[in-house]
Amino acid sequence: MNKRFRNLAKGLSLTSMLFVFQACYGSPQDMDPDVHISGIVLSDTTENPISNIKVKLINKDSGMIQNQQTDENGEFSIYTGASNSYELNFADVDSTENNVYIEKDTIISNVGENVYLKISLEKQ
């Protein structure tokens, strides 16, 4: 009986140590480097920033899609996983506020950790 208790205590101690290690250090969730893609969307005629433009980013390697809208300063900021190339789509989803802008697609490739884009949209 005493030997069983010692074996049980050893097993529980090892399990407890592993649990504490996992709680403190965790398991890696995402080992890929992140890329920060940001920029500003402007009117091609006035060069004023355009708010509420939907920015759709497609990571061409993973197929992951992320959506965001430009803020009141026409700016957007997206963090995504590293990829060889990205497809971006800019669409005016709020045409009553901004007039109507023509949708624009662009592909970027061979990017570093940070990318800043200046996008001009044409009025319809």
C-alpha atoms as a PDB file:
ATOM      1  CA  MET A   1       0.000   0.000   0.000  1.00  0.00           C
ATOM      2  CA  ASN A   2       2.796   2.409   0.897  1.00  0.00           C
ATOM      3  CA  LYS A   3       4.539   1.714  -2.447  1.00  0.00           C
ATOM      4  CA  ARG A   4       1.307   2.402  -4.367  1.00  0.00           C
ATOM      5  CA  PHE A   5       0.892   5.720  -2.553  1.00  0.00           C
ATOM      6  CA  ARG A   6       4.457   6.746  -3.459  1.00  0.00           C
ATOM      7  CA  ASN A   7       3.935   5.855  -7.137  1.00  0.00           C
ATOM      8  CA  LEU A   8       0.656   7.796  -7.158  1.00  0.00           C
ATOM      9  CA  ALA A   9       2.339  10.808  -5.533  1.00  0.00           C
ATOM     10  CA  LYS A  10       5.178  10.701  -8.101  1.00  0.00           C
ATOM     11  CA  GLY A  11       2.692  10.565 -10.960  1.00  0.00           C
ATOM     12  CA  LEU A  12       0.671  13.465  -9.576  1.00  0.00           C
ATOM     13  CA  SER A  13       3.817  15.525  -8.994  1.00  0.00           C
ATOM     14  CA  LEU A  14       4.978  15.014 -12.572  1.00  0.00           C
ATOM     15  CA  THR A  15       1.521  15.848 -13.903  1.00  0.00           C
ATOM     16  CA  SER A  16       1.373  18.963 -11.723  1.00  0.00           C
ATOM     17  CA  MET A  17       4.782  20.139 -12.937  1.00  0.00           C
ATOM     18  CA  LEU A  18       3.743  19.690 -16.572  1.00  0.00           C
ATOM     19  CA  PHE A  19       0.500  21.578 -15.940  1.00  0.00           C
ATOM     20  CA  VAL A  20       2.370  24.493 -14.306  1.00  0.00           C
ATOM     21  CA  PHE A  21       4.873  24.596 -17.195  1.00  0.00           C
ATOM     22  CA  GLN A  22       2.015  24.639 -19.736  1.00  0.00           C
ATOM     23  CA  ALA A  23       0.207  27.392 -17.804  1.00  0.00           C
ATOM     24  CA  CYS A  24       3.329  29.573 -17.571  1.00  0.00           C
ATOM     25  CA  TYR A  25       4.776  29.117 -21.032  1.00  0.00           C
ATOM     26  CA  GLY A  26       1.852  27.802 -23.052  1.00  0.00           C
ATOM     27  CA  SER A  27       2.113  26.028 -26.331  1.00  0.00           C
ATOM     28  CA  PRO A  28       3.062  27.975 -29.434  1.00  0.00           C
ATOM     29  CA  GLN A  29      -0.040  28.946 -31.392  1.00  0.00           C
ATOM     30  CA  ASP A  30       1.449  30.831 -34.301  1.00  0.00           C
ATOM     31  CA  MET A  31       5.098  30.495 -35.169  1.00  0.00           C
ATOM     32  CA  ASP A  32       4.861  32.297 -38.521  1.00  0.00           C
ATOM     33  CA  PRO A  33       6.031  35.895 -38.665  1.00  0.00           C
ATOM     34  CA  ASP A  34       3.281  38.494 -38.955  1.00  0.00           C
ATOM     35  CA  VAL A  35       3.079  41.140 -41.646  1.00  0.00           C
ATOM     36  CA  HIS A  36       1.551  44.575 -41.031  1.00  0.00           C
ATOM     37  CA  ILE A  37      -0.228  45.981 -44.079  1.00  0.00           C
ATOM     38  CA  SER A  38      -1.522  49.506 -43.619  1.00  0.00           C
ATOM     39  CA  GLY A  39      -2.268  52.507 -45.737  1.00  0.00           C
ATOM     40  CA  ILE A  40      -4.571  55.305 -46.732  1.00  0.00           C
ATOM     41  CA  VAL A  41      -7.353  55.477 -49.324  1.00  0.00           C
ATOM     42  CA  LEU A  42      -7.734  58.808 -51.142  1.00  0.00           C
ATOM     43  CA  SER A  43      -9.984  60.309 -53.799  1.00  0.00           C
ATOM     44  CA  ASP A  44      -8.051  60.514 -57.074  1.00  0.00           C
ATOM     45  CA  THR A  45      -9.481  63.968 -57.882  1.00  0.00           C
ATOM     46  CA  THR A  46      -9.428  65.770 -54.519  1.00  0.00           C
ATOM     47  CA  GLU A  47      -6.783  63.641 -52.752  1.00  0.00           C
ATOM     48  CA  ASN A  48      -9.004  63.773 -49.645  1.00  0.00           C
ATOM     49  CA  PRO A  49      -9.150  60.636 -47.478  1.00  0.00           C
ATOM     50  CA  ILE A  50     -12.190  58.399 -47.973  1.00  0.00           C
ATOM     51  CA  SER A  51     -13.800  56.792 -44.927  1.00  0.00           C
ATOM     52  CA  ASN A  52     -15.872  53.587 -44.834  1.00  0.00           C
ATOM     53  CA  ILE A  53     -14.118  51.908 -47.746  1.00  0.00           C
ATOM     54  CA  LYS A  54     -14.136  48.119 -47.282  1.00  0.00           C
ATOM     55  CA  VAL A  55     -10.622  46.681 -47.469  1.00  0.00           C
ATOM     56  CA  LYS A  56     -10.557  42.942 -48.179  1.00  0.00           C
ATOM     57  CA  LEU A  57      -7.199  41.185 -47.872  1.00  0.00           C
ATOM     58  CA  ILE A  58      -6.674  37.655 -49.203  1.00  0.00           C
ATOM     59  CA  ASN A  59      -3.537  35.806 -48.140  1.00  0.00           C
ATOM     60  CA  LYS A  60      -2.703  33.944 -51.373  1.00  0.00           C
ATOM     61  CA  ASP A  61      -0.745  31.149 -49.599  1.00  0.00           C
ATOM     62  CA  SER A  62      -3.224  30.288 -46.840  1.00  0.00           C
ATOM     63  CA  GLY A  63      -6.424  31.539 -48.479  1.00  0.00           C
ATOM     64  CA  MET A  64      -7.284  33.462 -45.305  1.00  0.00           C
ATOM     65  CA  ILE A  65      -9.551  36.461 -45.865  1.00  0.00           C
ATOM     66  CA  GLN A  66      -9.597  39.524 -43.608  1.00  0.00           C
ATOM     67  CA  ASN A  67     -11.940  42.500 -43.884  1.00  0.00           C
ATOM     68  CA  GLN A  68     -11.702  45.987 -42.475  1.00  0.00           C
ATOM     69  CA  GLN A  69     -13.065  49.441 -43.219  1.00  0.00           C
ATOM     70  CA  THR A  70     -11.117  52.659 -43.471  1.00  0.00           C
ATOM     71  CA  ASP A  71     -11.524  55.045 -40.541  1.00  0.00           C
ATOM     72  CA  GLU A  72     -12.519  58.726 -40.694  1.00  0.00           C
ATOM     73  CA  ASN A  73      -8.981  59.552 -41.897  1.00  0.00           C
ATOM     74  CA  GLY A  74      -9.168  57.019 -44.737  1.00  0.00           C
ATOM     75  CA  GLU A  75      -6.644  54.758 -43.007  1.00  0.00           C
ATOM     76  CA  PHE A  76      -6.608  50.985 -42.526  1.00  0.00           C
ATOM     77  CA  SER A  77      -4.317  48.579 -40.688  1.00  0.00           C
ATOM     78  CA  ILE A  78      -4.273  44.770 -40.955  1.00  0.00           C
ATOM     79  CA  TYR A  79      -1.967  42.203 -39.352  1.00  0.00           C
ATOM     80  CA  THR A  80      -1.765  38.919 -41.233  1.00  0.00           C
ATOM     81  CA  GLY A  81       0.436  35.850 -41.599  1.00  0.00           C
ATOM     82  CA  ALA A  82       3.426  35.905 -43.910  1.00  0.00           C
ATOM     83  CA  SER A  83       2.762  35.056 -47.551  1.00  0.00           C
ATOM     84  CA  ASN A  84       4.415  35.323 -50.956  1.00  0.00           C
ATOM     85  CA  SER A  85       1.590  37.548 -52.168  1.00  0.00           C
ATOM     86  CA  TYR A  86      -1.621  39.232 -51.072  1.00  0.00           C
ATOM     87  CA  GLU A  87      -4.666  40.353 -52.997  1.00  0.00           C
ATOM     88  CA  LEU A  88      -6.385  43.504 -51.793  1.00  0.00           C
ATOM     89  CA  ASN A  89      -9.805  44.742 -52.831  1.00  0.00           C
ATOM     90  CA  PHE A  90     -11.073  48.250 -52.070  1.00  0.00           C
ATOM     91  CA  ALA A  91     -14.858  48.731 -52.360  1.00  0.00           C
ATOM     92  CA  ASP A  92     -17.164  51.635 -51.505  1.00  0.00           C
ATOM     93  CA  VAL A  93     -19.830  49.924 -49.418  1.00  0.00           C
ATOM     94  CA  ASP A  94     -21.276  53.222 -48.154  1.00  0.00           C
ATOM     95  CA  SER A  95     -21.880  55.126 -51.394  1.00  0.00           C
ATOM     96  CA  THR A  96     -24.394  57.503 -49.792  1.00  0.00           C
ATOM     97  CA  GLU A  97     -21.716  59.073 -47.588  1.00  0.00           C
ATOM     98  CA  ASN A  98     -18.783  59.129 -50.018  1.00  0.00           C
ATOM     99  CA  ASN A  99     -20.428  59.433 -53.424  1.00  0.00           C
ATOM    100  CA  VAL A 100     -19.679  56.349 -55.483  1.00  0.00           C
ATOM    101  CA  TYR A 101     -16.131  55.098 -56.044  1.00  0.00           C
ATOM    102  CA  ILE A 102     -15.079  52.411 -58.484  1.00  0.00           C
ATOM    103  CA  GLU A 103     -13.909  49.183 -56.881  1.00  0.00           C
ATOM    104  CA  LYS A 104     -10.164  48.565 -57.133  1.00  0.00           C
ATOM    105  CA  ASP A 105      -8.069  45.388 -56.877  1.00  0.00           C
ATOM    106  CA  THR A 106      -4.342  45.182 -56.337  1.00  0.00           C
ATOM    107  CA  ILE A 107      -1.824  42.416 -55.717  1.00  0.00           C
ATOM    108  CA  ILE A 108       1.319  42.904 -53.664  1.00  0.00           C
ATOM    109  CA  SER A 109       4.156  40.401 -53.399  1.00  0.00           C
ATOM    110  CA  ASN A 110       7.594  39.958 -51.889  1.00  0.00           C
ATOM    111  CA  VAL A 111       6.781  42.167 -48.914  1.00  0.00           C
ATOM    112  CA  GLY A 112       8.710  42.630 -45.690  1.00  0.00           C
ATOM    113  CA  GLU A 113       7.300  42.918 -42.191  1.00  0.00           C
ATOM    114  CA  ASN A 114       5.645  46.303 -42.820  1.00  0.00           C
ATOM    115  CA  VAL A 115       3.887  47.561 -45.929  1.00  0.00           C
ATOM    116  CA  TYR A 116       2.319  51.004 -46.365  1.00  0.00           C
ATOM    117  CA  LEU A 117       0.013  51.610 -49.327  1.00  0.00           C
ATOM    118  CA  LYS A 118      -1.402  54.806 -50.785  1.00  0.00           C
ATOM    119  CA  ILE A 119      -4.507  53.887 -52.793  1.00  0.00           C
ATOM    120  CA  SER A 120      -6.402  56.310 -55.028  1.00  0.00           C
ATOM    121  CA  LEU A 121     -10.000  55.540 -55.945  1.00  0.00           C
ATOM    122  CA  GLU A 122     -11.764  57.008 -58.940  1.00  0.00           C
ATOM    123  CA  LYS A 123     -15.335  58.357 -58.732  1.00  0.00           C
ATOM    124  CA  GLN A 124     -17.894  56.600 -60.850  1.00  0.00           C
END
